[in-house]
PDB file of N, CA and C in Angstrom:
ATOM      1  N   MET A   1       0.801  -1.204  -0.019  1.00  0.00           N
ATOM      2  CA  MET A   1       0.236   0.208   0.003  1.00  0.00           C
ATOM      3  C   MET A   1       0.687   1.345  -0.033  1.00  0.00           C
ATOM      4  N   GLN A   2       1.767   1.330   0.844  1.00  0.00           N
ATOM      5  CA  GLN A   2       2.649   2.312   0.807  1.00  0.00           C
ATOM      6  C   GLN A   2       3.293   2.566  -0.564  1.00  0.00           C
ATOM      7  N   THR A   3       3.881   1.231  -0.830  1.00  0.00           N
ATOM      8  CA  THR A   3       4.422   1.630  -2.300  1.00  0.00           C
ATOM      9  C   THR A   3       3.525   2.239  -3.457  1.00  0.00           C
ATOM     10  N   THR A   4       2.494   2.092  -3.396  1.00  0.00           N
ATOM     11  CA  THR A   4       1.606   2.696  -4.515  1.00  0.00           C
ATOM     12  C   THR A   4       1.238   3.400  -4.191  1.00  0.00           C
ATOM     13  N   ILE A   5       1.100   4.451  -2.806  1.00  0.00           N
ATOM     14  CA  ILE A   5       0.942   5.664  -2.609  1.00  0.00           C
ATOM     15  C   ILE A   5       2.425   6.413  -3.039  1.00  0.00           C
ATOM     16  N   LEU A   6       3.298   5.731  -2.440  1.00  0.00           N
ATOM     17  CA  LEU A   6       4.466   6.389  -3.103  1.00  0.00           C
ATOM     18  C   LEU A   6       4.810   6.930  -4.650  1.00  0.00           C
ATOM     19  N   ALA A   7       4.130   5.875  -5.457  1.00  0.00           N
ATOM     20  CA  ALA A   7       4.297   5.856  -6.719  1.00  0.00           C
ATOM     21  C   ALA A   7       3.129   6.872  -7.409  1.00  0.00           C
ATOM     22  N   ILE A   8       1.995   7.068  -6.522  1.00  0.00           N
ATOM     23  CA  ILE A   8       0.925   8.222  -6.867  1.00  0.00           C
ATOM     24  C   ILE A   8       1.541   9.313  -6.619  1.00  0.00           C
ATOM     25  N   HIS A   9       2.186   9.560  -5.424  1.00  0.00           N
ATOM     26  CA  HIS A   9       2.871  10.754  -5.170  1.00  0.00           C
ATOM     27  C   HIS A   9       4.164  11.391  -5.903  1.00  0.00           C
ATOM     28  N   LEU A  10       4.861  10.668  -6.553  1.00  0.00           N
ATOM     29  CA  LEU A  10       5.944  10.845  -7.588  1.00  0.00           C
ATOM     30  C   LEU A  10       5.261  11.461  -8.703  1.00  0.00           C
ATOM     31  N   LEU A  11       4.383  10.663  -9.339  1.00  0.00           N
ATOM     32  CA  LEU A  11       3.396  11.082 -10.438  1.00  0.00           C
ATOM     33  C   LEU A  11       2.849  12.549 -10.209  1.00  0.00           C
ATOM     34  N   LEU A  12       2.299  12.904  -8.990  1.00  0.00           N
ATOM     35  CA  LEU A  12       1.933  13.944  -8.811  1.00  0.00           C
ATOM     36  C   LEU A  12       2.885  15.101  -9.043  1.00  0.00           C
ATOM     37  N   THR A  13       4.090  14.716  -8.195  1.00  0.00           N
ATOM     38  CA  THR A  13       5.034  15.419  -7.969  1.00  0.00           C
ATOM     39  C   THR A  13       5.707  15.896  -9.591  1.00  0.00           C
ATOM     40  N   ILE A  14       5.417  14.881 -10.329  1.00  0.00           N
ATOM     41  CA  ILE A  14       6.337  15.395 -11.463  1.00  0.00           C
ATOM     42  C   ILE A  14       5.046  16.317 -12.429  1.00  0.00           C
ATOM     43  N   SER A  15       3.921  15.854 -12.270  1.00  0.00           N
ATOM     44  CA  SER A  15       2.987  16.567 -13.159  1.00  0.00           C
ATOM     45  C   SER A  15       2.526  18.133 -12.694  1.00  0.00           C
ATOM     46  N   MET A  16       3.110  18.643 -10.996  1.00  0.00           N
ATOM     47  CA  MET A  16       2.606  19.658 -10.831  1.00  0.00           C
ATOM     48  C   MET A  16       3.845  20.406 -11.088  1.00  0.00           C
ATOM     49  N   ILE A  17       5.253  19.795 -11.323  1.00  0.00           N
ATOM     50  CA  ILE A  17       6.287  20.509 -11.893  1.00  0.00           C
ATOM     51  C   ILE A  17       6.030  21.012 -13.231  1.00  0.00           C
ATOM     52  N   VAL A  18       5.758  20.717 -14.360  1.00  0.00           N
ATOM     53  CA  VAL A  18       5.251  20.642 -15.376  1.00  0.00           C
ATOM     54  C   VAL A  18       4.158  21.361 -15.479  1.00  0.00           C
ATOM     55  N   VAL A  19       2.686  21.716 -14.883  1.00  0.00           N
ATOM     56  CA  VAL A  19       1.891  22.518 -15.097  1.00  0.00           C
ATOM     57  C   VAL A  19       2.405  23.506 -14.513  1.00  0.00           C
ATOM     58  N   ILE A  20       3.096  23.992 -13.421  1.00  0.00           N
ATOM     59  CA  ILE A  20       3.396  25.040 -13.212  1.00  0.00           C
ATOM     60  C   ILE A  20       4.617  25.787 -14.205  1.00  0.00           C
ATOM     61  N   LEU A  21       5.536  24.862 -14.529  1.00  0.00           N
ATOM     62  CA  LEU A  21       6.798  25.374 -15.692  1.00  0.00           C
ATOM     63  C   LEU A  21       5.532  25.942 -16.862  1.00  0.00           C
ATOM     64  N   ILE A  22       4.563  25.324 -17.424  1.00  0.00           N
ATOM     65  CA  ILE A  22       4.114  25.727 -18.462  1.00  0.00           C
ATOM     66  C   ILE A  22       3.213  26.983 -18.400  1.00  0.00           C
ATOM     67  N   GLN A  23       2.888  27.237 -17.043  1.00  0.00           N
ATOM     68  CA  GLN A  23       2.317  28.504 -17.051  1.00  0.00           C
ATOM     69  C   GLN A  23       2.675  29.639 -17.273  1.00  0.00           C
ATOM     70  N   ARG A  24       2.000  30.795 -17.850  1.00  0.00           N
ATOM     71  CA  ARG A  24       2.362  32.026 -18.388  1.00  0.00           C
ATOM     72  C   ARG A  24       3.109  32.812 -16.804  1.00  0.00           C
ATOM     73  N   SER A  25       4.300  33.350 -17.168  1.00  0.00           N
ATOM     74  CA  SER A  25       5.006  34.480 -15.752  1.00  0.00           C
ATOM     75  C   SER A  25       5.034  35.763 -16.476  1.00  0.00           C
ATOM     76  N   GLU A  26       4.971  36.453 -14.993  1.00  0.00           N
ATOM     77  CA  GLU A  26       4.685  37.621 -15.405  1.00  0.00           C
ATOM     78  C   GLU A  26       6.226  38.352 -15.228  1.00  0.00           C
ATOM     79  N   GLY A  27       6.899  37.854 -14.583  1.00  0.00           N
ATOM     80  CA  GLY A  27       8.207  38.343 -14.523  1.00  0.00           C
ATOM     81  C   GLY A  27       9.251  37.758 -15.974  1.00  0.00           C
ATOM     82  N   GLY A  28       8.762  37.140 -16.717  1.00  0.00           N
ATOM     83  CA  GLY A  28       9.677  36.656 -17.518  1.00  0.00           C
ATOM     84  C   GLY A  28      10.677  35.580 -17.414  1.00  0.00           C
ATOM     85  N   GLY A  29       9.925  34.595 -16.971  1.00  0.00           N
ATOM     86  CA  GLY A  29      10.683  33.297 -16.336  1.00  0.00           C
ATOM     87  C   GLY A  29      10.367  32.556 -17.407  1.00  0.00           C
ATOM     88  N   LEU A  30      10.161  31.182 -17.322  1.00  0.00           N
ATOM     89  CA  LEU A  30      10.370  30.214 -18.265  1.00  0.00           C
ATOM     90  C   LEU A  30       8.841  30.478 -19.118  1.00  0.00           C
ATOM     91  N   GLY A  31       7.959  30.371 -18.888  1.00  0.00           N
ATOM     92  CA  GLY A  31       6.666  30.483 -19.581  1.00  0.00           C
ATOM     93  C   GLY A  31       6.513  29.766 -20.351  1.00  0.00           C
ATOM     94  N   ILE A  32       6.492  28.713 -20.909  1.00  0.00           N
ATOM     95  CA  ILE A  32       6.361  27.887 -21.612  1.00  0.00           C
ATOM     96  C   ILE A  32       5.120  27.935 -22.437  1.00  0.00           C
ATOM     97  N   GLY A  33       4.142  28.127 -21.671  1.00  0.00           N
ATOM     98  CA  GLY A  33       2.574  27.948 -22.055  1.00  0.00           C
ATOM     99  C   GLY A  33       2.482  29.535 -22.655  1.00  0.00           C
ATOM    100  N   GLY A  34       2.979  30.443 -23.193  1.00  0.00           N
ATOM    101  CA  GLY A  34       2.776  31.595 -23.307  1.00  0.00           C
ATOM    102  C   GLY A  34       1.793  31.676 -24.616  1.00  0.00           C
ATOM    103  N   GLY A  35       1.663  30.887 -25.450  1.00  0.00           N
ATOM    104  CA  GLY A  35       0.923  31.173 -26.576  1.00  0.00           C
ATOM    105  C   GLY A  35      -0.388  30.760 -26.627  1.00  0.00           C
ATOM    106  N   ASN A  36      -1.106  30.386 -27.201  1.00  0.00           N
ATOM    107  CA  ASN A  36      -2.762  30.431 -27.085  1.00  0.00           C
ATOM    108  C   ASN A  36      -3.064  28.654 -27.627  1.00  0.00           C
ATOM    109  N   MET A  37      -2.595  28.284 -27.006  1.00  0.00           N
ATOM    110  CA  MET A  37      -2.343  26.776 -27.618  1.00  0.00           C
ATOM    111  C   MET A  37      -3.156  25.922 -28.404  1.00  0.00           C
ATOM    112  N   GLY A  38      -2.433  26.658 -29.545  1.00  0.00           N
ATOM    113  CA  GLY A  38      -3.235  26.270 -30.860  1.00  0.00           C
ATOM    114  C   GLY A  38      -4.484  26.529 -31.204  1.00  0.00           C
ATOM    115  N   GLY A  39      -4.903  27.462 -30.536  1.00  0.00           N
ATOM    116  CA  GLY A  39      -6.463  28.212 -30.906  1.00  0.00           C
ATOM    117  C   GLY A  39      -7.556  27.438 -30.001  1.00  0.00           C
ATOM    118  N   LEU A  40      -6.890  26.459 -29.162  1.00  0.00           N
ATOM    119  CA  LEU A  40      -8.409  26.050 -28.326  1.00  0.00           C
ATOM    120  C   LEU A  40      -9.010  26.303 -27.681  1.00  0.00           C
ATOM    121  N   MET A  41      -8.026  27.070 -26.813  1.00  0.00           N
ATOM    122  CA  MET A  41      -8.465  28.037 -25.672  1.00  0.00           C
ATOM    123  C   MET A  41      -8.233  29.791 -25.651  1.00  0.00           C
ATOM    124  N   SER A  42      -8.782  30.639 -25.226  1.00  0.00           N
ATOM    125  CA  SER A  42      -8.169  31.660 -25.054  1.00  0.00           C
ATOM    126  C   SER A  42      -6.907  31.662 -24.152  1.00  0.00           C
ATOM    127  N   ALA A  43      -6.724  32.745 -23.962  1.00  0.00           N
ATOM    128  CA  ALA A  43      -5.306  33.025 -22.835  1.00  0.00           C
ATOM    129  C   ALA A  43      -6.105  33.026 -21.572  1.00  0.00           C
ATOM    130  N   ARG A  44      -7.287  33.628 -21.472  1.00  0.00           N
ATOM    131  CA  ARG A  44      -7.544  33.396 -19.954  1.00  0.00           C
ATOM    132  C   ARG A  44      -8.057  32.258 -19.710  1.00  0.00           C
ATOM    133  N   GLY A  45      -9.081  31.374 -20.828  1.00  0.00           N
ATOM    134  CA  GLY A  45      -9.094  30.078 -20.245  1.00  0.00           C
ATOM    135  C   GLY A  45      -7.980  29.063 -20.189  1.00  0.00           C
ATOM    136  N   THR A  46      -7.081  29.295 -20.553  1.00  0.00           N
ATOM    137  CA  THR A  46      -5.504  28.420 -20.445  1.00  0.00           C
ATOM    138  C   THR A  46      -5.119  28.572 -19.031  1.00  0.00           C
ATOM    139  N   ALA A  47      -5.190  30.205 -18.532  1.00  0.00           N
ATOM    140  CA  ALA A  47      -4.836  30.530 -17.463  1.00  0.00           C
ATOM    141  C   ALA A  47      -5.534  29.725 -16.364  1.00  0.00           C
ATOM    142  N   ASN A  48      -6.854  29.919 -16.467  1.00  0.00           N
ATOM    143  CA  ASN A  48      -7.970  29.242 -15.768  1.00  0.00           C
ATOM    144  C   ASN A  48      -7.636  27.700 -15.526  1.00  0.00           C
ATOM    145  N   LEU A  49      -7.419  27.477 -16.341  1.00  0.00           N
ATOM    146  CA  LEU A  49      -7.416  25.643 -16.371  1.00  0.00           C
ATOM    147  C   LEU A  49      -6.153  25.377 -15.524  1.00  0.00           C
ATOM    148  N   LEU A  50      -4.699  25.567 -16.075  1.00  0.00           N
ATOM    149  CA  LEU A  50      -3.630  25.636 -15.512  1.00  0.00           C
ATOM    150  C   LEU A  50      -3.482  25.879 -14.015  1.00  0.00           C
ATOM    151  N   THR A  51      -4.238  27.330 -13.773  1.00  0.00           N
ATOM    152  CA  THR A  51      -4.729  27.410 -12.153  1.00  0.00           C
ATOM    153  C   THR A  51      -5.397  26.264 -11.454  1.00  0.00           C
ATOM    154  N   ARG A  52      -6.362  25.816 -12.117  1.00  0.00           N
ATOM    155  CA  ARG A  52      -7.247  24.963 -11.328  1.00  0.00           C
ATOM    156  C   ARG A  52      -6.373  23.381 -11.498  1.00  0.00           C
ATOM    157  N   ALA A  53      -5.740  23.262 -12.280  1.00  0.00           N
ATOM    158  CA  ALA A  53      -5.204  21.997 -12.218  1.00  0.00           C
ATOM    159  C   ALA A  53      -3.956  22.282 -11.410  1.00  0.00           C
ATOM    160  N   THR A  54      -3.435  23.170 -10.965  1.00  0.00           N
ATOM    161  CA  THR A  54      -2.072  23.129 -10.180  1.00  0.00           C
ATOM    162  C   THR A  54      -3.083  23.183  -8.697  1.00  0.00           C
ATOM    163  N   ALA A  55      -3.831  23.708  -8.923  1.00  0.00           N
ATOM    164  CA  ALA A  55      -4.407  23.504  -7.125  1.00  0.00           C
ATOM    165  C   ALA A  55      -4.894  22.269  -6.645  1.00  0.00           C
ATOM    166  N   ILE A  56      -5.629  21.645  -7.838  1.00  0.00           N
ATOM    167  CA  ILE A  56      -5.707  20.108  -7.618  1.00  0.00           C
ATOM    168  C   ILE A  56      -4.672  19.048  -7.363  1.00  0.00           C
ATOM    169  N   LEU A  57      -3.697  19.457  -8.276  1.00  0.00           N
ATOM    170  CA  LEU A  57      -2.654  18.494  -7.894  1.00  0.00           C
ATOM    171  C   LEU A  57      -2.148  18.762  -6.576  1.00  0.00           C
ATOM    172  N   ALA A  58      -1.982  19.828  -6.040  1.00  0.00           N
ATOM    173  CA  ALA A  58      -1.281  20.266  -4.862  1.00  0.00           C
ATOM    174  C   ALA A  58      -1.747  19.721  -3.497  1.00  0.00           C
ATOM    175  N   ALA A  59      -3.637  19.851  -3.774  1.00  0.00           N
ATOM    176  CA  ALA A  59      -4.264  19.252  -2.666  1.00  0.00           C
ATOM    177  C   ALA A  59      -4.345  17.880  -2.714  1.00  0.00           C
ATOM    178  N   CYS A  60      -3.885  16.996  -4.267  1.00  0.00           N
ATOM    179  CA  CYS A  60      -3.543  16.106  -3.728  1.00  0.00           C
ATOM    180  C   CYS A  60      -2.342  15.524  -3.444  1.00  0.00           C
ATOM    181  N   PHE A  61      -1.136  16.278  -3.771  1.00  0.00           N
ATOM    182  CA  PHE A  61      -0.107  16.094  -3.109  1.00  0.00           C
ATOM    183  C   PHE A  61       0.151  16.078  -1.832  1.00  0.00           C
ATOM    184  N   PHE A  62      -0.774  16.999  -1.302  1.00  0.00           N
ATOM    185  CA  PHE A  62      -0.532  17.436   0.246  1.00  0.00           C
ATOM    186  C   PHE A  62      -1.567  16.111   0.787  1.00  0.00           C
ATOM    187  N   VAL A  63      -2.559  15.446   0.176  1.00  0.00           N
ATOM    188  CA  VAL A  63      -2.897  14.301   0.743  1.00  0.00           C
ATOM    189  C   VAL A  63      -1.834  13.061   0.733  1.00  0.00           C
ATOM    190  N   THR A  64      -1.451  12.470  -0.285  1.00  0.00           N
ATOM    191  CA  THR A  64      -0.481  11.594  -0.313  1.00  0.00           C
ATOM    192  C   THR A  64       0.803  11.792   0.484  1.00  0.00           C
ATOM    193  N   SER A  65       1.232  13.073   0.586  1.00  0.00           N
ATOM    194  CA  SER A  65       2.232  13.351   1.940  1.00  0.00           C
ATOM    195  C   SER A  65       1.750  13.209   3.341  1.00  0.00           C
ATOM    196  N   LEU A  66       0.317  13.499   3.512  1.00  0.00           N
ATOM    197  CA  LEU A  66       0.077  13.083   5.085  1.00  0.00           C
ATOM    198  C   LEU A  66      -0.129  11.820   5.197  1.00  0.00           C
ATOM    199  N   LEU A  67      -0.511  10.823   4.350  1.00  0.00           N
ATOM    200  CA  LEU A  67      -0.946   9.673   4.084  1.00  0.00           C
ATOM    201  C   LEU A  67       0.301   8.722   4.144  1.00  0.00           C
ATOM    202  N   LEU A  68       1.295   9.565   3.540  1.00  0.00           N
ATOM    203  CA  LEU A  68       2.368   8.586   4.051  1.00  0.00           C
ATOM    204  C   LEU A  68       3.625   8.875   5.055  1.00  0.00           C
ATOM    205  N   ALA A  69       2.995  10.545   5.481  1.00  0.00           N
ATOM    206  CA  ALA A  69       3.646  10.600   6.840  1.00  0.00           C
ATOM    207  C   ALA A  69       2.937   9.762   8.385  1.00  0.00           C
ATOM    208  N   ILE A  70       1.813   9.417   7.752  1.00  0.00           N
ATOM    209  CA  ILE A  70       0.907   8.548   8.888  1.00  0.00           C
ATOM    210  C   ILE A  70       1.139   7.232   8.730  1.00  0.00           C
ATOM    211  N   MET A  71       1.508   6.314   7.677  1.00  0.00           N
ATOM    212  CA  MET A  71       2.115   4.971   7.895  1.00  0.00           C
ATOM    213  C   MET A  71       3.635   4.789   7.997  1.00  0.00           C
ATOM    214  N   ALA A  72       4.133   6.087   7.830  1.00  0.00           N
ATOM    215  CA  ALA A  72       5.650   5.895   8.328  1.00  0.00           C
ATOM    216  C   ALA A  72       5.560   5.707  10.013  1.00  0.00           C
ATOM    217  N   THR A  73       4.918   6.429  10.599  1.00  0.00           N
ATOM    218  CA  THR A  73       4.703   6.450  11.924  1.00  0.00           C
ATOM    219  C   THR A  73       4.027   5.216  12.667  1.00  0.00           C
ATOM    220  N   ARG A  74       3.238   4.269  11.815  1.00  0.00           N
ATOM    221  CA  ARG A  74       2.413   3.404  11.910  1.00  0.00           C
ATOM    222  C   ARG A  74       3.213   2.126  11.469  1.00  0.00           C
ATOM    223  N   ASP A  75       4.174   1.865  12.126  1.00  0.00           N
ATOM    224  CA  ASP A  75       4.862   0.501  12.266  1.00  0.00           C
ATOM    225  C   ASP A  75       4.971  -0.400  13.123  1.00  0.00           C
ATOM    226  N   ASP A  76       5.142  -1.823  13.315  1.00  0.00           N
ATOM    227  CA  ASP A  76       4.457  -2.490  14.199  1.00  0.00           C
ATOM    228  C   ASP A  76       5.704  -2.676  15.383  1.00  0.00           C
ATOM    229  N   ARG A  77       6.928  -1.660  15.318  1.00  0.00           N
ATOM    230  CA  ARG A  77       7.716  -1.521  16.248  1.00  0.00           C
ATOM    231  C   ARG A  77       7.226  -0.920  17.891  1.00  0.00           C
ATOM    232  N   PRO A  78       7.476  -1.311  19.015  1.00  0.00           N
ATOM    233  CA  PRO A  78       7.175  -0.937  20.289  1.00  0.00           C
ATOM    234  C   PRO A  78       7.570   0.851  20.116  1.00  0.00           C
ATOM    235  N   SER A  79       6.959   1.718  20.623  1.00  0.00           N
ATOM    236  CA  SER A  79       6.736   2.928  20.334  1.00  0.00           C
ATOM    237  C   SER A  79       7.972   3.604  21.618  1.00  0.00           C
ATOM    238  N   SER A  80       8.392   2.524  22.299  1.00  0.00           N
ATOM    239  CA  SER A  80       9.635   3.062  23.760  1.00  0.00           C
ATOM    240  C   SER A  80      10.363   2.065  23.942  1.00  0.00           C
ATOM    241  N   ILE A  81      11.237   1.988  24.482  1.00  0.00           N
ATOM    242  CA  ILE A  81      12.434   0.995  24.788  1.00  0.00           C
ATOM    243  C   ILE A  81      11.709   0.254  26.130  1.00  0.00           C
ATOM    244  N   LEU A  82      11.117   0.878  26.900  1.00  0.00           N
ATOM    245  CA  LEU A  82      10.762   0.337  28.140  1.00  0.00           C
ATOM    246  C   LEU A  82       9.548  -0.646  27.716  1.00  0.00           C
ATOM    247  N   ASP A  83       9.009  -0.540  26.453  1.00  0.00           N
ATOM    248  CA  ASP A  83       7.803  -1.559  26.039  1.00  0.00           C
ATOM    249  C   ASP A  83       8.139  -2.753  25.802  1.00  0.00           C
ATOM    250  N   THR A  84       9.359  -2.831  25.505  1.00  0.00           N
ATOM    251  CA  THR A  84      10.200  -4.037  24.727  1.00  0.00           C
ATOM    252  C   THR A  84      10.189  -5.255  26.088  1.00  0.00           C
ATOM    253  N   PRO A  85      10.272  -6.356  25.674  1.00  0.00           N
ATOM    254  CA  PRO A  85      10.400  -7.300  26.714  1.00  0.00           C
ATOM    255  C   PRO A  85      11.608  -7.621  26.968  1.00  0.00           C
ATOM    256  N   VAL A  86      11.698  -7.821  28.090  1.00  0.00           N
ATOM    257  CA  VAL A  86      13.280  -8.321  28.266  1.00  0.00           C
ATOM    258  C   VAL A  86      13.388  -9.725  28.307  1.00  0.00           C
ATOM    259  N   PRO A  87      14.317 -10.035  27.365  1.00  0.00           N
ATOM    260  CA  PRO A  87      15.046 -11.544  27.005  1.00  0.00           C
ATOM    261  C   PRO A  87      15.406 -12.146  28.018  1.00  0.00           C
ATOM    262  N   ILE A  88      14.923 -13.366  28.352  1.00  0.00           N
ATOM    263  CA  ILE A  88      15.202 -13.672  29.936  1.00  0.00           C
ATOM    264  C   ILE A  88      16.287 -14.802  29.090  1.00  0.00           C
ATOM    265  N   GLU A  89      17.576 -14.384  30.093  1.00  0.00           N
ATOM    266  CA  GLU A  89      18.905 -15.287  29.778  1.00  0.00           C
ATOM    267  C   GLU A  89      18.942 -16.438  30.601  1.00  0.00           C
ATOM    268  N   THR A  90      18.887 -17.605  30.145  1.00  0.00           N
ATOM    269  CA  THR A  90      19.112 -19.004  30.961  1.00  0.00           C
ATOM    270  C   THR A  90      20.538 -19.217  31.370  1.00  0.00           C
ATOM    271  N   ALA A  91      20.672 -19.859  32.193  1.00  0.00           N
ATOM    272  CA  ALA A  91      22.207 -20.188  32.722  1.00  0.00           C
ATOM    273  C   ALA A  91      22.193 -21.265  31.497  1.00  0.00           C
ATOM    274  N   PRO A  92      23.541 -21.560  31.195  1.00  0.00           N
ATOM    275  CA  PRO A  92      23.988 -22.934  30.644  1.00  0.00           C
ATOM    276  C   PRO A  92      23.895 -23.923  31.253  1.00  0.00           C
ATOM    277  N   ALA A  93      23.580 -25.133  30.724  1.00  0.00           N
ATOM    278  CA  ALA A  93      23.362 -26.485  31.078  1.00  0.00           C
ATOM    279  C   ALA A  93      24.339 -26.760  32.000  1.00  0.00           C
ATOM    280  N   PRO A  94      24.825 -27.844  33.243  1.00  0.00           N
ATOM    281  CA  PRO A  94      25.945 -28.093  33.623  1.00  0.00           C
ATOM    282  C   PRO A  94      26.438 -29.262  32.917  1.00  0.00           C
ATOM    283  N   SER A  95      27.629 -28.940  32.558  1.00  0.00           N
ATOM    284  CA  SER A  95      28.519 -30.033  31.928  1.00  0.00           C
ATOM    285  C   SER A  95      28.437 -31.311  32.451  1.00  0.00           C
ATOM    286  N   ALA A  96      28.286 -32.522  32.132  1.00  0.00           N
ATOM    287  CA  ALA A  96      28.405 -33.745  32.398  1.00  0.00           C
ATOM    288  C   ALA A  96      29.945 -34.017  32.948  1.00  0.00           C
ATOM    289  N   PRO A  97      29.885 -34.364  34.439  1.00  0.00           N
ATOM    290  CA  PRO A  97      31.616 -34.358  34.542  1.00  0.00           C
ATOM    291  C   PRO A  97      32.311 -35.500  33.845  1.00  0.00           C
ATOM    292  N   PRO A  98      33.544 -35.413  33.429  1.00  0.00           N
ATOM    293  CA  PRO A  98      34.175 -36.489  32.390  1.00  0.00           C
ATOM    294  C   PRO A  98      33.956 -37.928  32.855  1.00  0.00           C
ATOM    295  N   PRO A  99      34.137 -38.700  32.434  1.00  0.00           N
ATOM    296  CA  PRO A  99      34.065 -40.144  32.539  1.00  0.00           C
ATOM    297  C   PRO A  99      35.188 -40.621  33.208  1.00  0.00           C
ATOM    298  N   ALA A 100      35.003 -41.227  34.387  1.00  0.00           N
ATOM    299  CA  ALA A 100      36.489 -42.202  35.338  1.00  0.00           C
ATOM    300  C   ALA A 100      36.552 -42.772  34.570  1.00  0.00           C
ATOM    301  N   GLU A 101      37.850 -43.358  34.775  1.00  0.00           N
ATOM    302  CA  GLU A 101      38.284 -44.396  34.072  1.00  0.00           C
ATOM    303  C   GLU A 101      39.037 -45.471  35.428  1.00  0.00           C
TER     304      GLU A 101
END
């Protein structure tokens, strides 16, 4: 289960990076998606779509981060050293005396 959530988390991370880099920049950064996307949508529609996609991906990223953190703390190990049972040490069995000749 933890591996599946981690894989989803990594896919969300990569998707979020791509969506953020596609957005038009105000300060002249990368702004790869500065065009009108081939006439499919207006500039305003593209900005709204990318903003919503970023928000949805960020929310999913946050949820998977919390799930992974919760799963990491739910191990089957004891929470304290005092909770571990003390191993009982047994004395070695007495050895038999050597046979008398």
